[in-house]
Protein backbone atom coordinates (compact mmCIF):
# COMPACT_ATOMS: atom_id res chain seq x y z
CA UNK A 1 0.00 0.00 0.00
CA UNK A 2 1.18 3.47 -0.89
CA UNK A 3 1.20 6.23 1.73
CA UNK A 4 -0.37 9.45 0.47
CA UNK A 5 0.92 12.74 1.94
CA UNK A 6 -1.30 15.33 0.21
CA UNK A 7 -4.31 15.83 -2.05
CA UNK A 8 -2.04 16.69 -4.98
CA UNK A 9 -0.06 13.48 -4.48
CA UNK A 10 -3.34 11.51 -4.37
CA UNK A 11 -4.59 13.13 -7.59
CA UNK A 12 -1.33 12.27 -9.36
CA UNK A 13 -1.45 8.70 -8.05
CA UNK A 14 -5.09 8.33 -9.13
CA UNK A 15 -4.16 9.38 -12.68
CA UNK A 16 -1.68 6.49 -12.79
CA UNK A 17 -4.06 4.04 -11.04
CA UNK A 18 -7.62 4.97 -12.09
CA UNK A 19 -8.99 1.65 -10.76
CA UNK A 20 -7.87 1.69 -7.15
CA UNK A 21 -8.73 1.89 -3.48
CA UNK A 22 -7.92 4.56 -0.89
CA UNK A 23 -8.12 3.84 2.84
CA UNK A 24 -8.79 6.92 4.89
CA UNK A 25 -7.80 6.08 8.45
CA UNK A 26 -6.67 7.62 11.71
CA UNK A 27 -3.51 6.26 13.33
CA UNK A 28 -4.01 5.27 16.95
CA UNK A 29 -7.68 4.39 16.42
CA UNK A 30 -8.33 0.70 17.11
CA UNK A 31 -10.88 0.29 14.32
CA UNK A 32 -8.70 2.20 11.83
CA UNK A 33 -5.68 0.07 12.72
CA UNK A 34 -7.88 -3.01 12.21
CA UNK A 35 -8.84 -1.92 8.67
CA UNK A 36 -5.27 -0.93 7.81
CA UNK A 37 -3.90 -4.25 9.07
CA UNK A 38 -6.40 -6.34 7.09
CA UNK A 39 -5.88 -4.37 3.88
CA UNK A 40 -2.09 -4.22 4.16
CA UNK A 41 -1.97 -8.01 4.47
CA UNK A 42 -4.07 -8.71 1.36
CA UNK A 43 -2.65 -9.67 -2.00
CA UNK A 44 -4.70 -7.98 -4.68
CA UNK A 45 -4.30 -6.68 -8.22
CA UNK A 46 -6.19 -3.54 -7.21
CA UNK A 47 -3.84 -0.63 -6.49
CA UNK A 48 -4.23 0.42 -2.85
CA UNK A 49 -3.18 3.59 -1.05
CA UNK A 50 -3.82 5.03 2.39
CA UNK A 51 -3.94 8.43 4.02
CA UNK A 52 -3.74 9.17 7.75
CA UNK A 53 -6.21 11.96 8.61
CA UNK A 54 -4.27 12.85 11.75
CA UNK A 55 -1.41 14.01 9.47
CA UNK A 56 -3.02 14.78 6.10
CA UNK A 57 -6.11 16.95 6.26
CA UNK A 58 -6.87 17.83 2.65
CA UNK A 59 -7.84 14.46 1.13
CA UNK A 60 -10.94 13.32 3.06
CA UNK A 61 -12.88 16.62 2.68
CA UNK A 62 -12.49 16.27 -1.11
CA UNK A 63 -14.79 13.20 -0.91
CA UNK A 64 -16.98 14.41 1.98
CA UNK A 65 -15.65 11.65 4.27
CA UNK A 66 -16.32 12.38 7.94
CA UNK A 67 -15.45 9.05 9.58
CA UNK A 68 -12.40 6.84 9.67
CA UNK A 69 -11.75 4.23 8.58
CA UNK A 70 -13.39 4.57 5.19
CA UNK A 71 -12.26 2.64 2.12
CA UNK A 72 -12.98 4.51 -1.11
CA UNK A 73 -13.09 2.52 -4.35
CA UNK A 74 -12.41 4.18 -7.68
CA UNK A 75 -13.15 3.00 -11.22
CA UNK A 76 -11.87 5.00 -14.17
CA UNK A 77 -10.77 7.71 -11.71
CA UNK A 78 -14.29 8.17 -10.27
CA UNK A 79 -15.27 7.18 -6.74
CA UNK A 80 -17.84 4.38 -6.97
CA UNK A 81 -18.18 3.06 -3.43
CA UNK A 82 -17.36 3.81 0.21
CA UNK A 83 -16.97 1.06 2.81
CA UNK A 84 -16.89 2.29 6.39
CA UNK A 85 -15.37 0.44 9.33
CA UNK A 86 -13.20 -2.66 9.53
CA UNK A 87 -14.36 -5.71 7.57
CA UNK A 88 -13.00 -9.24 7.51
CA UNK A 89 -10.45 -10.23 4.86
CA UNK A 90 -12.98 -12.31 2.88
CA UNK A 91 -15.21 -9.25 2.53
CA UNK A 92 -12.33 -7.14 1.20
CA UNK A 93 -11.24 -9.91 -1.20
CA UNK A 94 -14.77 -10.23 -2.62
CA UNK A 95 -15.06 -6.44 -2.86
CA UNK A 96 -11.80 -6.15 -4.81
CA UNK A 97 -12.66 -9.05 -7.10
CA UNK A 98 -16.01 -7.39 -7.90
CA UNK A 99 -14.24 -4.08 -8.52
CA UNK A 100 -11.70 -5.67 -10.85
CA UNK A 101 -14.45 -7.64 -12.59
CA UNK A 102 -16.47 -4.47 -13.10
CA UNK A 103 -13.49 -2.54 -14.39
CA UNK A 104 -12.17 -5.15 -16.79
CA UNK A 105 -15.14 -7.31 -17.79
CA UNK A 106 -14.90 -10.88 -19.00
CA UNK A 107 -13.47 -11.62 -22.43
CA UNK A 108 -15.71 -13.44 -24.86
CA UNK A 109 -18.86 -12.74 -22.84
CA UNK A 110 -21.20 -9.80 -23.33
CA UNK A 111 -20.82 -7.54 -20.33
CA UNK A 112 -24.09 -6.15 -18.99
CA UNK A 113 -24.05 -2.50 -17.98
CA UNK A 114 -25.74 -2.42 -14.59
CA UNK A 115 -26.17 0.74 -12.53
CA UNK A 116 -27.86 0.50 -9.13
CA UNK A 117 -29.30 3.74 -7.76
CA UNK A 118 -29.57 3.45 -3.98
CA UNK A 119 -29.40 5.17 -0.60
CA UNK A 120 -27.66 3.96 2.58
CA UNK A 121 -30.92 3.59 4.54
CA UNK A 122 -32.80 1.58 1.89
CA UNK A 123 -33.29 -2.05 2.97
CA UNK A 124 -34.41 -3.17 -0.51
CA UNK A 125 -31.20 -1.66 -1.90
CA UNK A 126 -29.20 -3.98 0.38
CA UNK A 127 -31.36 -6.91 -0.72
CA UNK A 128 -30.71 -6.28 -4.41
CA UNK A 129 -26.97 -5.73 -3.83
CA UNK A 130 -26.79 -9.10 -2.07
CA UNK A 131 -28.74 -10.74 -4.89
CA UNK A 132 -26.49 -9.28 -7.59
CA UNK A 133 -23.35 -10.35 -5.70
CA UNK A 134 -24.77 -13.86 -5.22
CA UNK A 135 -25.45 -14.09 -8.97
CA UNK A 136 -21.97 -12.64 -9.68
CA UNK A 137 -23.38 -9.67 -11.57
CA UNK A 138 -21.00 -6.72 -11.76
CA UNK A 139 -22.70 -3.41 -11.06
CA UNK A 140 -21.92 0.20 -10.35
CA UNK A 141 -23.68 1.64 -7.32
CA UNK A 142 -24.64 5.31 -7.12
CA UNK A 143 -25.79 6.77 -3.79
CA UNK A 144 -28.42 9.30 -4.90
CA UNK A 145 -28.59 10.78 -1.39
CA UNK A 146 -25.12 12.24 -2.02
CA UNK A 147 -25.28 12.91 -5.75
CA UNK A 148 -27.97 15.40 -6.85
CA UNK A 149 -27.01 15.07 -10.53
CA UNK A 150 -27.39 11.27 -10.39
CA UNK A 151 -30.74 11.64 -8.61
CA UNK A 152 -31.99 13.89 -11.41
CA UNK A 153 -30.70 11.43 -14.01
CA UNK A 154 -32.48 8.55 -12.23
CA UNK A 155 -35.79 10.46 -12.13
CA UNK A 156 -35.39 11.45 -15.78
CA UNK A 157 -34.92 7.78 -16.78
CA UNK A 158 -37.80 6.31 -14.76
CA UNK A 159 -40.08 9.18 -13.81
CA UNK A 160 -39.86 8.00 -10.19
CA UNK A 161 -37.84 9.01 -7.13
CA UNK A 162 -37.96 5.77 -5.09
CA UNK A 163 -35.00 3.45 -4.73
CA UNK A 164 -33.71 0.94 -5.53
CA UNK A 165 -33.69 1.49 -9.24
CA UNK A 166 -31.56 -0.69 -11.46
CA UNK A 167 -30.55 0.40 -14.95
CA UNK A 168 -29.70 -2.74 -16.94
CA UNK A 169 -28.37 -1.92 -20.40
CA UNK A 170 -30.62 1.15 -20.53
CA UNK A 171 -33.78 -0.54 -19.17
CA UNK A 172 -34.83 0.63 -15.69
CA UNK A 173 -36.30 -1.69 -13.05
CA UNK A 174 -37.91 0.14 -10.12
CA UNK A 175 -37.80 -1.81 -6.85
CA UNK A 176 -36.59 -5.39 -6.49
CA UNK A 177 -38.38 -7.22 -9.30
CA UNK A 178 -36.26 -10.38 -9.40
CA UNK A 179 -38.06 -11.87 -12.40
CA UNK A 180 -37.56 -8.76 -14.54
CA UNK A 181 -33.94 -8.35 -13.39
CA UNK A 182 -33.17 -11.98 -14.29
CA UNK A 183 -34.86 -11.53 -17.67
CA UNK A 184 -32.88 -8.38 -18.53
CA UNK A 185 -29.59 -9.96 -17.39
CA UNK A 186 -30.26 -13.23 -19.21
CA UNK A 187 -30.15 -15.26 -15.99
CA UNK A 188 -32.03 -18.54 -15.60
């Protein structure tokens, strides 16, 4: 893992590693040390960096992060997901595999474009995320509670404000309609 000392250094590093992870942690915090220890010990193809908020104060505000530890995942230079707290190693491995799968796709197989519009407090959003992971469907999650532009885009596509909404290759499914999702993804 690469130590980041400033926002400018992070931006330069992100240009070189557009598909990567950044751990925002606070040294001396038990839960932050837990997350750092688990991530530092993992072997992954995903480029990982870390920043200590007790020493570097200009990175976390850039992403509106107010708690440590927080693991930020980036695809094509854009933040796609935030994982707060310390997770077990299997969780991190699965998360990184999904991220790499999403970023690179699978050769010889048509890659579905799946965008899940969600909010952190939506229980059906968690249900659909679990279902997609179980079926090994790569997806990009957008938290519309933090992204006004994405919220407007979601409403424009479907005419509705409720979440979850899943955009599968341009077709929007409102709610968790497993039958329709399976049909659009070509799952049996």
